[in-house]
Amino acid sequence: MPRVQLPAVIPKRRAWNKGRIIGQKRPLLPKQVWAIRAWLELAGNLRDLALFNVAIDSKLRGCDLVKTLTVKQ
């Protein structure tokens, strides 16, 4: 029985995670935490500032925190 050779499948777009660092990220440094707090306060984002403070107090990981803040935007 002859084998049918199908044409090669060429992806139409680039993979969403190509070139990105995957896996566990490093924790936020205290300097970065205070910079984010200052930035949110100066921008007047009281809701995001409150969410950030709760996340830090409940010891959420930095990657979870960033994901939560970027989903809203």
Protein backbone atom coordinates (compact mmCIF):
# COMPACT_ATOMS: atom_id res chain seq x y z
CA MET A 1 0.00 0.00 0.00
CA PRO A 2 1.60 3.32 -1.04
CA ARG A 3 2.06 5.99 1.55
CA VAL A 4 0.49 9.38 0.85
CA GLN A 5 2.88 12.27 1.37
CA LEU A 6 1.02 15.26 2.72
CA PRO A 7 2.46 18.74 2.26
CA ALA A 8 4.38 20.17 5.20
CA VAL A 9 2.23 22.21 7.54
CA ILE A 10 3.54 25.74 7.84
CA PRO A 11 2.32 27.67 10.92
CA LYS A 12 0.56 30.91 10.05
CA ARG A 13 1.66 32.75 13.14
CA ARG A 14 4.46 32.61 15.65
CA ALA A 15 4.02 30.59 18.85
CA TRP A 16 2.87 32.81 21.74
CA ASN A 17 5.70 31.67 24.03
CA LYS A 18 8.58 31.65 21.54
CA GLY A 19 11.54 33.44 23.06
CA ARG A 20 9.89 33.96 26.44
CA ILE A 21 11.35 32.77 29.68
CA ILE A 22 9.14 30.07 31.10
CA GLY A 23 9.04 28.55 34.53
CA GLN A 24 9.23 30.03 37.99
CA LYS A 25 10.25 33.67 38.19
CA ARG A 26 12.41 35.32 40.84
CA PRO A 27 10.59 36.96 43.76
CA LEU A 28 10.10 40.71 43.81
CA LEU A 29 12.73 42.64 45.70
CA PRO A 30 11.60 45.04 48.46
CA LYS A 31 12.84 47.94 46.32
CA GLN A 32 10.60 46.78 43.45
CA VAL A 33 7.60 46.41 45.77
CA TRP A 34 7.99 49.99 47.01
CA ALA A 35 8.48 51.25 43.44
CA ILE A 36 5.24 49.58 42.34
CA ARG A 37 3.39 51.00 45.36
CA ALA A 38 4.66 54.51 44.61
CA TRP A 39 3.80 54.20 40.91
CA LEU A 40 0.25 53.03 41.67
CA GLU A 41 -0.26 55.78 44.24
CA LEU A 42 1.01 58.52 41.93
CA ALA A 43 -1.17 57.22 39.10
CA GLY A 44 -4.22 57.33 41.37
CA ASN A 45 -5.01 53.64 40.95
CA LEU A 46 -6.41 53.08 44.42
CA ARG A 47 -8.09 49.81 43.46
CA ASP A 48 -4.89 48.34 42.04
CA LEU A 49 -2.91 49.64 45.01
CA ALA A 50 -5.30 47.91 47.41
CA LEU A 51 -5.09 44.67 45.39
CA PHE A 52 -1.31 44.91 45.34
CA ASN A 53 -1.12 45.43 49.10
CA VAL A 54 -3.43 42.47 49.73
CA ALA A 55 -1.39 40.30 47.37
CA ILE A 56 1.88 41.23 49.08
CA ASP A 57 0.38 40.69 52.54
CA SER A 58 -0.96 37.27 51.51
CA LYS A 59 2.46 36.37 50.03
CA LEU A 60 1.37 35.83 46.45
CA ARG A 61 4.19 35.11 44.03
CA GLY A 62 5.39 37.86 41.75
CA CYS A 63 4.30 36.04 38.59
CA ASP A 64 0.75 35.64 39.96
CA LEU A 65 0.68 39.28 40.93
CA VAL A 66 1.82 40.49 37.51
CA LYS A 67 -0.70 38.23 35.81
CA THR A 68 -3.50 39.62 37.99
CA LEU A 69 -2.59 43.24 37.29
CA THR A 70 -2.21 42.78 33.53
CA VAL A 71 -5.52 40.93 33.08
CA LYS A 72 -7.44 44.08 34.01
CA GLN A 73 -5.79 46.23 31.35
